[in-house]
Every structure is written in structure tokens, then in C-alpha cells.
PDB file of N, CA and C in Angstrom:
ATOM      1  N   MET A   1     -13.332 -12.697 -27.553  1.00  0.00           N
ATOM      2  CA  MET A   1     -11.969 -13.189 -27.504  1.00  0.00           C
ATOM      3  C   MET A   1     -11.212 -12.573 -26.323  1.00  0.00           C
ATOM      4  N   LEU A   2     -11.355 -11.269 -26.156  1.00  0.00           N
ATOM      5  CA  LEU A   2     -10.667 -10.595 -25.060  1.00  0.00           C
ATOM      6  C   LEU A   2     -11.201 -11.046 -23.709  1.00  0.00           C
ATOM      7  N   GLY A   3     -12.496 -11.302 -23.632  1.00  0.00           N
ATOM      8  CA  GLY A   3     -13.092 -11.770 -22.387  1.00  0.00           C
ATOM      9  C   GLY A   3     -12.555 -13.132 -21.974  1.00  0.00           C
ATOM     10  N   THR A   4     -12.321 -14.008 -22.943  1.00  0.00           N
ATOM     11  CA  THR A   4     -11.773 -15.330 -22.648  1.00  0.00           C
ATOM     12  C   THR A   4     -10.348 -15.221 -22.126  1.00  0.00           C
ATOM     13  N   VAL A   5      -9.554 -14.362 -22.736  1.00  0.00           N
ATOM     14  CA  VAL A   5      -8.175 -14.159 -22.292  1.00  0.00           C
ATOM     15  C   VAL A   5      -8.159 -13.591 -20.878  1.00  0.00           C
ATOM     16  N   LEU A   6      -9.019 -12.629 -20.601  1.00  0.00           N
ATOM     17  CA  LEU A   6      -9.079 -12.052 -19.263  1.00  0.00           C
ATOM     18  C   LEU A   6      -9.537 -13.071 -18.228  1.00  0.00           C
ATOM     19  N   LEU A   7     -10.451 -13.940 -18.607  1.00  0.00           N
ATOM     20  CA  LEU A   7     -10.914 -14.986 -17.700  1.00  0.00           C
ATOM     21  C   LEU A   7      -9.792 -15.960 -17.366  1.00  0.00           C
ATOM     22  N   VAL A   8      -9.005 -16.354 -18.344  1.00  0.00           N
ATOM     23  CA  VAL A   8      -7.885 -17.255 -18.109  1.00  0.00           C
ATOM     24  C   VAL A   8      -6.847 -16.595 -17.205  1.00  0.00           C
ATOM     25  N   ILE A   9      -6.545 -15.330 -17.458  1.00  0.00           N
ATOM     26  CA  ILE A   9      -5.586 -14.611 -16.621  1.00  0.00           C
ATOM     27  C   ILE A   9      -6.104 -14.485 -15.197  1.00  0.00           C
ATOM     28  N   LEU A  10      -7.380 -14.218 -15.037  1.00  0.00           N
ATOM     29  CA  LEU A  10      -7.973 -14.109 -13.707  1.00  0.00           C
ATOM     30  C   LEU A  10      -7.910 -15.427 -12.946  1.00  0.00           C
ATOM     31  N   ILE A  11      -8.160 -16.531 -13.615  1.00  0.00           N
ATOM     32  CA  ILE A  11      -8.074 -17.842 -12.974  1.00  0.00           C
ATOM     33  C   ILE A  11      -6.636 -18.140 -12.559  1.00  0.00           C
ATOM     34  N   LEU A  12      -5.670 -17.812 -13.407  1.00  0.00           N
ATOM     35  CA  LEU A  12      -4.266 -18.018 -13.045  1.00  0.00           C
ATOM     36  C   LEU A  12      -3.865 -17.155 -11.855  1.00  0.00           C
ATOM     37  N   LEU A  13      -4.370 -15.944 -11.790  1.00  0.00           N
ATOM     38  CA  LEU A  13      -4.080 -15.081 -10.643  1.00  0.00           C
ATOM     39  C   LEU A  13      -4.711 -15.627  -9.366  1.00  0.00           C
ATOM     40  N   LEU A  14      -5.909 -16.185  -9.475  1.00  0.00           N
ATOM     41  CA  LEU A  14      -6.546 -16.791  -8.304  1.00  0.00           C
ATOM     42  C   LEU A  14      -5.733 -17.956  -7.767  1.00  0.00           C
ATOM     43  N   ILE A  15      -5.225 -18.782  -8.667  1.00  0.00           N
ATOM     44  CA  ILE A  15      -4.409 -19.917  -8.241  1.00  0.00           C
ATOM     45  C   ILE A  15      -3.103 -19.416  -7.624  1.00  0.00           C
ATOM     46  N   GLY A  16      -2.514 -18.392  -8.206  1.00  0.00           N
ATOM     47  CA  GLY A  16      -1.254 -17.864  -7.696  1.00  0.00           C
ATOM     48  C   GLY A  16      -1.388 -17.127  -6.376  1.00  0.00           C
ATOM     49  N   ALA A  17      -2.564 -16.630  -6.047  1.00  0.00           N
ATOM     50  CA  ALA A  17      -2.747 -15.858  -4.816  1.00  0.00           C
ATOM     51  C   ALA A  17      -2.995 -16.724  -3.592  1.00  0.00           C
ATOM     52  N   VAL A  18      -3.202 -18.018  -3.787  1.00  0.00           N
ATOM     53  CA  VAL A  18      -3.444 -18.920  -2.654  1.00  0.00           C
ATOM     54  C   VAL A  18      -2.121 -19.153  -1.917  1.00  0.00           C
ATOM     55  N   PRO A  19      -2.066 -18.818  -0.623  1.00  0.00           N
ATOM     56  CA  PRO A  19      -0.803 -18.991   0.119  1.00  0.00           C
ATOM     57  C   PRO A  19      -0.598 -20.427   0.603  1.00  0.00           C
ATOM     58  N   ALA A  20      -0.524 -21.361  -0.323  1.00  0.00           N
ATOM     59  CA  ALA A  20      -0.403 -22.766   0.039  1.00  0.00           C
ATOM     60  C   ALA A  20       1.040 -23.257   0.029  1.00  0.00           C
ATOM     61  N   TRP A  21       1.945 -22.460  -0.508  1.00  0.00           N
ATOM     62  CA  TRP A  21       3.329 -22.890  -0.619  1.00  0.00           C
ATOM     63  C   TRP A  21       4.156 -22.226   0.476  1.00  0.00           C
ATOM     64  N   PRO A  22       5.201 -22.890   0.956  1.00  0.00           N
ATOM     65  CA  PRO A  22       5.980 -22.357   2.084  1.00  0.00           C
ATOM     66  C   PRO A  22       6.579 -20.979   1.837  1.00  0.00           C
ATOM     67  N   TYR A  23       7.046 -20.716   0.620  1.00  0.00           N
ATOM     68  CA  TYR A  23       7.669 -19.433   0.354  1.00  0.00           C
ATOM     69  C   TYR A  23       6.669 -18.282   0.326  1.00  0.00           C
ATOM     70  N   SER A  24       5.396 -18.571   0.158  1.00  0.00           N
ATOM     71  CA  SER A  24       4.399 -17.504   0.076  1.00  0.00           C
ATOM     72  C   SER A  24       3.633 -17.316   1.383  1.00  0.00           C
ATOM     73  N   ALA A  25       4.005 -18.036   2.420  1.00  0.00           N
ATOM     74  CA  ALA A  25       3.263 -17.942   3.679  1.00  0.00           C
ATOM     75  C   ALA A  25       3.420 -16.576   4.348  1.00  0.00           C
ATOM     76  N   SER A  26       4.529 -15.899   4.111  1.00  0.00           N
ATOM     77  CA  SER A  26       4.778 -14.606   4.760  1.00  0.00           C
ATOM     78  C   SER A  26       4.339 -13.417   3.911  1.00  0.00           C
ATOM     79  N   TRP A  27       3.686 -13.637   2.804  1.00  0.00           N
ATOM     80  CA  TRP A  27       3.280 -12.535   1.930  1.00  0.00           C
ATOM     81  C   TRP A  27       2.117 -11.746   2.513  1.00  0.00           C
ATOM     82  N   GLY A  28       1.315 -12.346   3.354  1.00  0.00           N
ATOM     83  CA  GLY A  28       0.181 -11.646   3.940  1.00  0.00           C
ATOM     84  C   GLY A  28      -0.948 -11.469   2.942  1.00  0.00           C
ATOM     85  N   TYR A  29      -1.570 -10.283   2.990  1.00  0.00           N
ATOM     86  CA  TYR A  29      -2.725 -10.013   2.123  1.00  0.00           C
ATOM     87  C   TYR A  29      -2.342  -9.379   0.800  1.00  0.00           C
ATOM     88  N   GLY A  30      -1.085  -9.250   0.505  1.00  0.00           N
ATOM     89  CA  GLY A  30      -0.624  -8.594  -0.720  1.00  0.00           C
ATOM     90  C   GLY A  30      -1.193  -9.166  -1.997  1.00  0.00           C
ATOM     91  N   PRO A  31      -0.975 -10.446  -2.275  1.00  0.00           N
ATOM     92  CA  PRO A  31      -1.469 -11.008  -3.542  1.00  0.00           C
ATOM     93  C   PRO A  31      -2.991 -10.967  -3.669  1.00  0.00           C
ATOM     94  N   SER A  32      -3.699 -11.287  -2.584  1.00  0.00           N
ATOM     95  CA  SER A  32      -5.158 -11.285  -2.681  1.00  0.00           C
ATOM     96  C   SER A  32      -5.702  -9.857  -2.775  1.00  0.00           C
ATOM     97  N   GLY A  33      -5.029  -8.900  -2.163  1.00  0.00           N
ATOM     98  CA  GLY A  33      -5.444  -7.500  -2.288  1.00  0.00           C
ATOM     99  C   GLY A  33      -5.254  -6.988  -3.699  1.00  0.00           C
ATOM    100  N   LEU A  34      -4.130  -7.349  -4.301  1.00  0.00           N
ATOM    101  CA  LEU A  34      -3.870  -6.956  -5.685  1.00  0.00           C
ATOM    102  C   LEU A  34      -4.871  -7.617  -6.625  1.00  0.00           C
ATOM    103  N   LEU A  35      -5.179  -8.866  -6.347  1.00  0.00           N
ATOM    104  CA  LEU A  35      -6.168  -9.571  -7.162  1.00  0.00           C
ATOM    105  C   LEU A  35      -7.545  -8.924  -7.030  1.00  0.00           C
ATOM    106  N   GLY A  36      -7.880  -8.476  -5.827  1.00  0.00           N
ATOM    107  CA  GLY A  36      -9.149  -7.779  -5.628  1.00  0.00           C
ATOM    108  C   GLY A  36      -9.239  -6.496  -6.430  1.00  0.00           C
ATOM    109  N   VAL A  37      -8.141  -5.755  -6.508  1.00  0.00           N
ATOM    110  CA  VAL A  37      -8.109  -4.526  -7.303  1.00  0.00           C
ATOM    111  C   VAL A  37      -8.306  -4.847  -8.780  1.00  0.00           C
ATOM    112  N   VAL A  38      -7.659  -5.908  -9.256  1.00  0.00           N
ATOM    113  CA  VAL A  38      -7.818  -6.310 -10.659  1.00  0.00           C
ATOM    114  C   VAL A  38      -9.258  -6.704 -10.941  1.00  0.00           C
ATOM    115  N   VAL A  39      -9.889  -7.432 -10.037  1.00  0.00           N
ATOM    116  CA  VAL A  39     -11.286  -7.847 -10.232  1.00  0.00           C
ATOM    117  C   VAL A  39     -12.208  -6.632 -10.251  1.00  0.00           C
ATOM    118  N   VAL A  40     -11.982  -5.664  -9.372  1.00  0.00           N
ATOM    119  CA  VAL A  40     -12.815  -4.459  -9.350  1.00  0.00           C
ATOM    120  C   VAL A  40     -12.657  -3.677 -10.656  1.00  0.00           C
ATOM    121  N   ILE A  41     -11.433  -3.549 -11.149  1.00  0.00           N
ATOM    122  CA  ILE A  41     -11.208  -2.842 -12.411  1.00  0.00           C
ATOM    123  C   ILE A  41     -11.904  -3.562 -13.563  1.00  0.00           C
ATOM    124  N   LEU A  42     -11.802  -4.898 -13.586  1.00  0.00           N
ATOM    125  CA  LEU A  42     -12.472  -5.653 -14.644  1.00  0.00           C
ATOM    126  C   LEU A  42     -13.990  -5.517 -14.564  1.00  0.00           C
ATOM    127  N   LEU A  43     -14.544  -5.502 -13.361  1.00  0.00           N
ATOM    128  CA  LEU A  43     -15.994  -5.323 -13.218  1.00  0.00           C
ATOM    129  C   LEU A  43     -16.436  -3.945 -13.692  1.00  0.00           C
ATOM    130  N   ILE A  44     -15.660  -2.929 -13.369  1.00  0.00           N
ATOM    131  CA  ILE A  44     -16.002  -1.574 -13.821  1.00  0.00           C
ATOM    132  C   ILE A  44     -15.957  -1.496 -15.340  1.00  0.00           C
ATOM    133  N   LEU A  45     -14.908  -2.078 -15.949  1.00  0.00           N
ATOM    134  CA  LEU A  45     -14.816  -2.071 -17.406  1.00  0.00           C
ATOM    135  C   LEU A  45     -15.951  -2.868 -18.041  1.00  0.00           C
ATOM    136  N   LEU A  46     -16.333  -3.966 -17.404  1.00  0.00           N
ATOM    137  CA  LEU A  46     -17.428  -4.774 -17.921  1.00  0.00           C
ATOM    138  C   LEU A  46     -18.745  -4.023 -17.870  1.00  0.00           C
ATOM    139  N   LEU A  47     -18.989  -3.338 -16.756  1.00  0.00           N
ATOM    140  CA  LEU A  47     -20.238  -2.589 -16.617  1.00  0.00           C
ATOM    141  C   LEU A  47     -20.286  -1.372 -17.541  1.00  0.00           C
ATOM    142  N   MET A  48     -19.134  -0.816 -17.858  1.00  0.00           N
ATOM    143  CA  MET A  48     -19.092   0.329 -18.778  1.00  0.00           C
ATOM    144  C   MET A  48     -19.178  -0.100 -20.232  1.00  0.00           C
ATOM    145  N   GLY A  49     -19.054  -1.405 -20.476  1.00  0.00           N
ATOM    146  CA  GLY A  49     -19.156  -1.909 -21.850  1.00  0.00           C
ATOM    147  C   GLY A  49     -17.862  -1.848 -22.614  1.00  0.00           C
ATOM    148  N   ARG A  50     -16.734  -1.725 -21.934  1.00  0.00           N
ATOM    149  CA  ARG A  50     -15.436  -1.651 -22.615  1.00  0.00           C
ATOM    150  C   ARG A  50     -14.877  -3.028 -22.943  1.00  0.00           C
ATOM    151  N   ILE A  51     -15.415  -4.060 -22.287  1.00  0.00           N
ATOM    152  CA  ILE A  51     -14.923  -5.431 -22.554  1.00  0.00           C
ATOM    153  C   ILE A  51     -16.003  -6.190 -23.281  1.00  0.00           C
TER     154      ILE A  51
END
């Protein structure tokens, strides 16, 4: 159950990190960098068996 919720949140973050909208064009690498940190944390938790 928790894995499904995390997967949905991760997909929403991926969609939100795409700089396709005019207001997000000046954000730079911020959203994708933050998303990368979240993915690394989730992978570490997955490999440790916490998820």
C-alpha cells in the first residue's frame, strides 16, 4: 500500500518538474534536483527493506 502511494507521488513530482510552462522556465535545475534527491532516498529505503 505504501509503495503504491509513493509511486503515485513520484509520478506527480515527475510531471511537476518538467519546465514546460512559462512561469517555470526560470527555475533552472531546482525541481529536477530535488526530485533526484527524493528518488535516491526512496531507492536507499527500498534497498534497506524499509518500504
